[in-house]
Amino acid sequence: MPGRRGGADRESPRLPHTTSETIAERIENLYGQPMAALEAHADTNPTGTMLAALTSSHSDLQLAERNITFQLQRLRELAHPEREIGKFEAGHLLDCARRIAESVATRDAHAKTVSAVLSSLHRTPAPPAASKASDLTTSVPPRPAEPAATHTR
């Protein structure tokens, strides 16, 4: 496949699909920490945070990639040239092919979604130092005086 390292196809046993590695690098760059630290932090707050959602999707992506690798290996074993294929083996071949298709669809869906989310997120610059913060407060114009309340009968 063009654009892939070594020219190997997506399911090559010599080169595992690296979509999850690419996503992990993008998450690490966004948060400025290694995945292990980010996953540990996300585990302490497992719901309601963007980090938890990203690390969970990354784990799902890794699982899909591992399943693709496993099912491809199983398919190669079942379809080995020296092996006879009967009704029983044919069912296993079809099952492996179906599982590969499901895992590829899962991987691609997670990769597309996580990539879109990561593309919409950006690192914010570090807050200004304490001395600059005091400069900012003095440069802000004072709030206009509010009119005094009047009491009428």
C-alpha atoms as a PDB file:
ATOM      1  CA  MET A   1       0.000   0.000   0.000  1.00  0.00           C
ATOM      2  CA  PRO A   2       1.484   3.396  -0.924  1.00  0.00           C
ATOM      3  CA  GLY A   3       2.630   5.554   1.967  1.00  0.00           C
ATOM      4  CA  ARG A   4       3.259   2.581   4.277  1.00  0.00           C
ATOM      5  CA  ARG A   5       6.702   1.701   5.591  1.00  0.00           C
ATOM      6  CA  GLY A   6       8.404  -1.007   3.540  1.00  0.00           C
ATOM      7  CA  GLY A   7       5.615  -1.099   0.962  1.00  0.00           C
ATOM      8  CA  ALA A   8       3.858  -3.889   2.870  1.00  0.00           C
ATOM      9  CA  ASP A   9       0.128  -4.243   2.678  1.00  0.00           C
ATOM     10  CA  ARG A  10      -2.074  -3.397   5.675  1.00  0.00           C
ATOM     11  CA  GLU A  11      -2.337  -6.950   6.972  1.00  0.00           C
ATOM     12  CA  SER A  12       1.264  -8.027   6.377  1.00  0.00           C
ATOM     13  CA  PRO A  13       2.628 -10.306   9.111  1.00  0.00           C
ATOM     14  CA  ARG A  14       6.034  -8.669   8.665  1.00  0.00           C
ATOM     15  CA  LEU A  15       4.730  -5.227   9.496  1.00  0.00           C
ATOM     16  CA  PRO A  16       1.847  -4.926  11.934  1.00  0.00           C
ATOM     17  CA  HIS A  17      -0.631  -2.181  11.252  1.00  0.00           C
ATOM     18  CA  THR A  18       0.517   0.895  13.178  1.00  0.00           C
ATOM     19  CA  THR A  19      -2.659   2.954  13.309  1.00  0.00           C
ATOM     20  CA  SER A  20      -2.811   2.590  17.098  1.00  0.00           C
ATOM     21  CA  GLU A  21       0.839   3.668  17.385  1.00  0.00           C
ATOM     22  CA  THR A  22       0.153   6.763  15.293  1.00  0.00           C
ATOM     23  CA  ILE A  23      -2.908   7.613  17.396  1.00  0.00           C
ATOM     24  CA  ALA A  24      -0.896   7.057  20.605  1.00  0.00           C
ATOM     25  CA  GLU A  25       1.793   9.469  19.377  1.00  0.00           C
ATOM     26  CA  ARG A  26      -0.826  12.101  18.579  1.00  0.00           C
ATOM     27  CA  ILE A  27      -2.424  11.725  22.036  1.00  0.00           C
ATOM     28  CA  GLU A  28       1.011  11.938  23.704  1.00  0.00           C
ATOM     29  CA  ASN A  29       1.859  15.071  21.702  1.00  0.00           C
ATOM     30  CA  LEU A  30      -1.456  16.666  22.613  1.00  0.00           C
ATOM     31  CA  TYR A  31      -1.109  16.039  26.349  1.00  0.00           C
ATOM     32  CA  GLY A  32       2.702  16.162  26.546  1.00  0.00           C
ATOM     33  CA  GLN A  33       2.983  12.896  28.498  1.00  0.00           C
ATOM     34  CA  PRO A  34       3.573   9.222  27.684  1.00  0.00           C
ATOM     35  CA  MET A  35       0.529   6.998  27.114  1.00  0.00           C
ATOM     36  CA  ALA A  36       1.161   4.974  30.288  1.00  0.00           C
ATOM     37  CA  ALA A  37       0.891   8.114  32.429  1.00  0.00           C
ATOM     38  CA  LEU A  38      -2.153   9.333  30.506  1.00  0.00           C
ATOM     39  CA  GLU A  39      -3.910   5.969  30.848  1.00  0.00           C
ATOM     40  CA  ALA A  40      -3.182   5.911  34.591  1.00  0.00           C
ATOM     41  CA  HIS A  41      -4.612   9.417  34.927  1.00  0.00           C
ATOM     42  CA  ALA A  42      -7.663   8.513  32.838  1.00  0.00           C
ATOM     43  CA  ASP A  43      -8.248   5.440  35.024  1.00  0.00           C
ATOM     44  CA  THR A  44      -8.662   7.698  38.060  1.00  0.00           C
ATOM     45  CA  ASN A  45     -11.367   9.673  36.201  1.00  0.00           C
ATOM     46  CA  PRO A  46     -12.844   7.048  33.862  1.00  0.00           C
ATOM     47  CA  THR A  47     -15.906   8.965  32.675  1.00  0.00           C
ATOM     48  CA  GLY A  48     -16.676  12.413  31.447  1.00  0.00           C
ATOM     49  CA  THR A  49     -13.215  13.470  30.294  1.00  0.00           C
ATOM     50  CA  MET A  50     -11.794  13.788  26.812  1.00  0.00           C
ATOM     51  CA  LEU A  51      -8.641  11.983  27.940  1.00  0.00           C
ATOM     52  CA  ALA A  52     -10.670   8.986  29.164  1.00  0.00           C
ATOM     53  CA  ALA A  53     -12.552   8.866  25.857  1.00  0.00           C
ATOM     54  CA  LEU A  54      -9.334   9.058  23.817  1.00  0.00           C
ATOM     55  CA  THR A  55      -7.499   6.397  25.829  1.00  0.00           C
ATOM     56  CA  SER A  56     -10.541   4.111  25.727  1.00  0.00           C
ATOM     57  CA  SER A  57     -10.820   4.466  21.956  1.00  0.00           C
ATOM     58  CA  HIS A  58      -7.086   3.844  21.649  1.00  0.00           C
ATOM     59  CA  SER A  59      -7.470   0.603  23.643  1.00  0.00           C
ATOM     60  CA  ASP A  60     -10.348  -0.478  21.392  1.00  0.00           C
ATOM     61  CA  LEU A  61      -8.192   0.269  18.350  1.00  0.00           C
ATOM     62  CA  GLN A  62      -5.345  -1.845  19.760  1.00  0.00           C
ATOM     63  CA  LEU A  63      -7.743  -4.721  20.444  1.00  0.00           C
ATOM     64  CA  ALA A  64      -9.030  -4.617  16.858  1.00  0.00           C
ATOM     65  CA  GLU A  65      -5.462  -4.646  15.513  1.00  0.00           C
ATOM     66  CA  ARG A  66      -4.482  -7.597  17.728  1.00  0.00           C
ATOM     67  CA  ASN A  67      -7.569  -9.492  16.578  1.00  0.00           C
ATOM     68  CA  ILE A  68      -6.714  -8.832  12.917  1.00  0.00           C
ATOM     69  CA  THR A  69      -3.216 -10.216  13.491  1.00  0.00           C
ATOM     70  CA  PHE A  70      -4.527 -13.275  15.350  1.00  0.00           C
ATOM     71  CA  GLN A  71      -7.247 -14.080  12.804  1.00  0.00           C
ATOM     72  CA  LEU A  72      -4.835 -13.655   9.874  1.00  0.00           C
ATOM     73  CA  GLN A  73      -2.430 -16.096  11.476  1.00  0.00           C
ATOM     74  CA  ARG A  74      -5.269 -18.559  12.089  1.00  0.00           C
ATOM     75  CA  LEU A  75      -6.460 -18.139   8.485  1.00  0.00           C
ATOM     76  CA  ARG A  76      -2.949 -18.893   7.194  1.00  0.00           C
ATOM     77  CA  GLU A  77      -2.790 -22.013   9.367  1.00  0.00           C
ATOM     78  CA  LEU A  78      -6.173 -23.231   8.110  1.00  0.00           C
ATOM     79  CA  ALA A  79      -5.325 -22.516   4.463  1.00  0.00           C
ATOM     80  CA  HIS A  80      -1.812 -23.981   4.575  1.00  0.00           C
ATOM     81  CA  PRO A  81      -1.032 -25.711   1.241  1.00  0.00           C
ATOM     82  CA  GLU A  82      -0.281 -29.038   2.934  1.00  0.00           C
ATOM     83  CA  ARG A  83      -3.558 -29.017   4.822  1.00  0.00           C
ATOM     84  CA  GLU A  84      -6.677 -30.644   3.436  1.00  0.00           C
ATOM     85  CA  ILE A  85      -9.788 -28.468   3.494  1.00  0.00           C
ATOM     86  CA  GLY A  86     -13.022 -30.256   4.291  1.00  0.00           C
ATOM     87  CA  LYS A  87     -16.437 -29.037   5.428  1.00  0.00           C
ATOM     88  CA  PHE A  88     -15.229 -28.463   8.971  1.00  0.00           C
ATOM     89  CA  GLU A  89     -12.168 -26.442   7.893  1.00  0.00           C
ATOM     90  CA  ALA A  90     -14.212 -24.494   5.333  1.00  0.00           C
ATOM     91  CA  GLY A  91     -16.474 -23.251   8.124  1.00  0.00           C
ATOM     92  CA  HIS A  92     -13.436 -22.129  10.111  1.00  0.00           C
ATOM     93  CA  LEU A  93     -11.995 -20.368   7.058  1.00  0.00           C
ATOM     94  CA  LEU A  94     -15.232 -18.458   6.563  1.00  0.00           C
ATOM     95  CA  ASP A  95     -15.409 -17.607  10.262  1.00  0.00           C
ATOM     96  CA  CYS A  96     -11.842 -16.234  10.243  1.00  0.00           C
ATOM     97  CA  ALA A  97     -12.559 -14.158   7.145  1.00  0.00           C
ATOM     98  CA  ARG A  98     -15.723 -12.758   8.757  1.00  0.00           C
ATOM     99  CA  ARG A  99     -13.861 -11.901  11.972  1.00  0.00           C
ATOM    100  CA  ILE A 100     -11.095 -10.185  10.007  1.00  0.00           C
ATOM    101  CA  ALA A 101     -13.669  -8.097   8.128  1.00  0.00           C
ATOM    102  CA  GLU A 102     -15.372  -7.107  11.399  1.00  0.00           C
ATOM    103  CA  SER A 103     -12.075  -6.181  13.048  1.00  0.00           C
ATOM    104  CA  VAL A 104     -10.918  -4.155  10.042  1.00  0.00           C
ATOM    105  CA  ALA A 105     -14.234  -2.257  10.064  1.00  0.00           C
ATOM    106  CA  THR A 106     -13.909  -1.664  13.817  1.00  0.00           C
ATOM    107  CA  ARG A 107     -10.297  -0.517  13.490  1.00  0.00           C
ATOM    108  CA  ASP A 108     -11.104   1.839  10.637  1.00  0.00           C
ATOM    109  CA  ALA A 109     -14.145   3.316  12.409  1.00  0.00           C
ATOM    110  CA  HIS A 110     -12.192   3.957  15.622  1.00  0.00           C
ATOM    111  CA  ALA A 111      -9.239   5.379  13.703  1.00  0.00           C
ATOM    112  CA  LYS A 112     -11.455   7.734  11.713  1.00  0.00           C
ATOM    113  CA  THR A 113     -13.326   8.970  14.787  1.00  0.00           C
ATOM    114  CA  VAL A 114     -10.268   9.401  17.006  1.00  0.00           C
ATOM    115  CA  SER A 115      -8.363  11.133  14.196  1.00  0.00           C
ATOM    116  CA  ALA A 116     -11.217  13.586  13.676  1.00  0.00           C
ATOM    117  CA  VAL A 117     -11.390  14.344  17.403  1.00  0.00           C
ATOM    118  CA  LEU A 118      -7.613  14.760  17.669  1.00  0.00           C
ATOM    119  CA  SER A 119      -7.624  17.073  14.647  1.00  0.00           C
ATOM    120  CA  SER A 120     -10.086  19.338  16.432  1.00  0.00           C
ATOM    121  CA  LEU A 121      -8.002  19.524  19.633  1.00  0.00           C
ATOM    122  CA  HIS A 122      -4.930  21.692  20.113  1.00  0.00           C
ATOM    123  CA  ARG A 123      -2.503  22.269  22.952  1.00  0.00           C
ATOM    124  CA  THR A 124      -2.973  25.567  24.679  1.00  0.00           C
ATOM    125  CA  PRO A 125       0.067  27.670  25.492  1.00  0.00           C
ATOM    126  CA  ALA A 126       1.320  27.610  29.058  1.00  0.00           C
ATOM    127  CA  PRO A 127      -0.155  30.311  31.283  1.00  0.00           C
ATOM    128  CA  PRO A 128       2.010  33.419  31.611  1.00  0.00           C
ATOM    129  CA  ALA A 129       4.458  33.650  34.503  1.00  0.00           C
ATOM    130  CA  ALA A 130       3.335  35.323  37.751  1.00  0.00           C
ATOM    131  CA  SER A 131       5.045  38.617  36.862  1.00  0.00           C
ATOM    132  CA  LYS A 132       3.315  38.732  33.501  1.00  0.00           C
ATOM    133  CA  ALA A 133      -0.014  37.895  35.116  1.00  0.00           C
ATOM    134  CA  SER A 134       0.253  40.978  37.317  1.00  0.00           C
ATOM    135  CA  ASP A 135       1.066  43.055  34.222  1.00  0.00           C
ATOM    136  CA  LEU A 136      -2.096  41.757  32.581  1.00  0.00           C
ATOM    137  CA  THR A 137      -4.288  42.749  35.517  1.00  0.00           C
ATOM    138  CA  THR A 138      -2.954  46.298  35.516  1.00  0.00           C
ATOM    139  CA  SER A 139      -3.467  46.680  31.785  1.00  0.00           C
ATOM    140  CA  VAL A 140      -7.152  45.748  31.935  1.00  0.00           C
ATOM    141  CA  PRO A 141      -9.284  48.903  32.078  1.00  0.00           C
ATOM    142  CA  PRO A 142     -11.407  49.278  35.195  1.00  0.00           C
ATOM    143  CA  ARG A 143     -15.039  48.327  34.986  1.00  0.00           C
ATOM    144  CA  PRO A 144     -17.345  51.323  34.493  1.00  0.00           C
ATOM    145  CA  ALA A 145     -19.145  52.468  37.608  1.00  0.00           C
ATOM    146  CA  GLU A 146     -22.688  51.208  37.862  1.00  0.00           C
ATOM    147  CA  PRO A 147     -25.407  53.771  38.534  1.00  0.00           C
ATOM    148  CA  ALA A 148     -26.539  53.959  42.127  1.00  0.00           C
ATOM    149  CA  ALA A 149     -29.908  52.457  42.836  1.00  0.00           C
ATOM    150  CA  THR A 150     -32.617  55.016  43.425  1.00  0.00           C
ATOM    151  CA  HIS A 151     -35.639  54.537  45.585  1.00  0.00           C
ATOM    152  CA  THR A 152     -38.865  56.039  44.304  1.00  0.00           C
ATOM    153  CA  ARG A 153     -42.401  55.933  45.650  1.00  0.00           C
END
